[in-house]
Amino acid sequence: MTLWNGSFPFYPGTNACFPFDTTRAIIISIFLSVLATFIIILPGIRGRGRLFWFLRVVTGLFMGAVVLTIQFTRDWETGWVTANTSYKSFSRALVNANIGLHIGLAGVNITLVGNPVNQVNETINYNEHFSWTFDADYDLSYSEGLEKGLPSPILYVAEKFTTQSPCSVHRQYRLSSHYASLTLLMAFCTWLISILLFSMPILLYGGYMLLLTAMLMLFSLLFFTARNALKCPIQFGPASLKTDYGGSFWLTLATGLLCLLLGLGIIILNSVQPEKLKLVFNLDEGKGEEEEGRDMSYLPAEPSSSAQDMLMVPLGELCEVTATQL
């Protein structure tokens, strides 16, 4: 049974693709604006300290942007499969489609893209998000998807993560994602503190806070992976949908290792060669000018021409004049 020119029941029209994630766009725009501001004032930095200053700015903004952005990404764990599968309930129509599963800290993203996109008189291009954040109900989102009549592959994959599913992975994924998200928020706070300490400048404690930022980021990865594997396989005929760690996971790992290396480097340089560390943070030039000013302040004023003439008088003549006066 079909309605309205071949559309299947419970589907008045084609569902649009998931909208662009504006949260990440806003975060990236803010950090790029800050970077552009620092680039504008870059010509005001004198000497060789300009390069070190620019590298510190770029590295610091990159680490902050990564720590804040990966909270909202949806590719911590991803998987794709191409299969011939049923399209909708109450229909025997089969479609060839690419089915994707994207797991983030906020929930599950399931995509369905036809191969080709236009099949069975419809445009098969779906991207549905099912959230498991503290203020969201995953089972309710799944029930709403049933009422809307989402395509069968999307509902089949989403059902694996419900609380009533025999796979029993909803609680594990939800808790691991929440702990990872909380740890990353703490890492963002420690990153801010490290930036403040470096600007004061208190280099040793800034290195400690950068080291703490790295440890928190690495702990977030441990929290995300501290769960059991999916008990129920996701099968589409002979094809199986398997997931692997995605771009956000590896980006978090790389950024955490970068913070670890920089923090250890600052701590070691501060104890072994503090002069080179001060050179990297442009502290030697300012200190040299300050010491030069102090030395000049203790020097006497330049003597006048009359005083110089008196100093140039021979000692014998000065003695004779003194004897005459007495």
Foldseek 3Di string as FASTA:
>chain_A
DDDDPQHRPLAPADDDADDDDVVLVVLVVVLVVVLVVCVVCLVVDDDPLSVLVNVVSVLLSVLLSLLVNLLPDFAQKKWKDWFWAAWFPPDPDTFTWIWMWTHGLFFIKIWTAGPPQQDSNHGRTYIDTQGDDPPHARVVSLVVCVSSGHTPLVNLVSLLQHCPHPQNCVVLQNQLSVQLSVLSVVLSVLSVVLVVCVVVPPQLVSLVSLLVSLVSLVVSLVSNPPDDDGPDWSDRDPDTIDMDGGDSSVVSNVSSVVSNVVSVVSNVCVVPPVVVVCVSSVNVVVVVVVVVVVVVVPDDDDDDPVVVVVVPDDPVVVVVVVVVVD
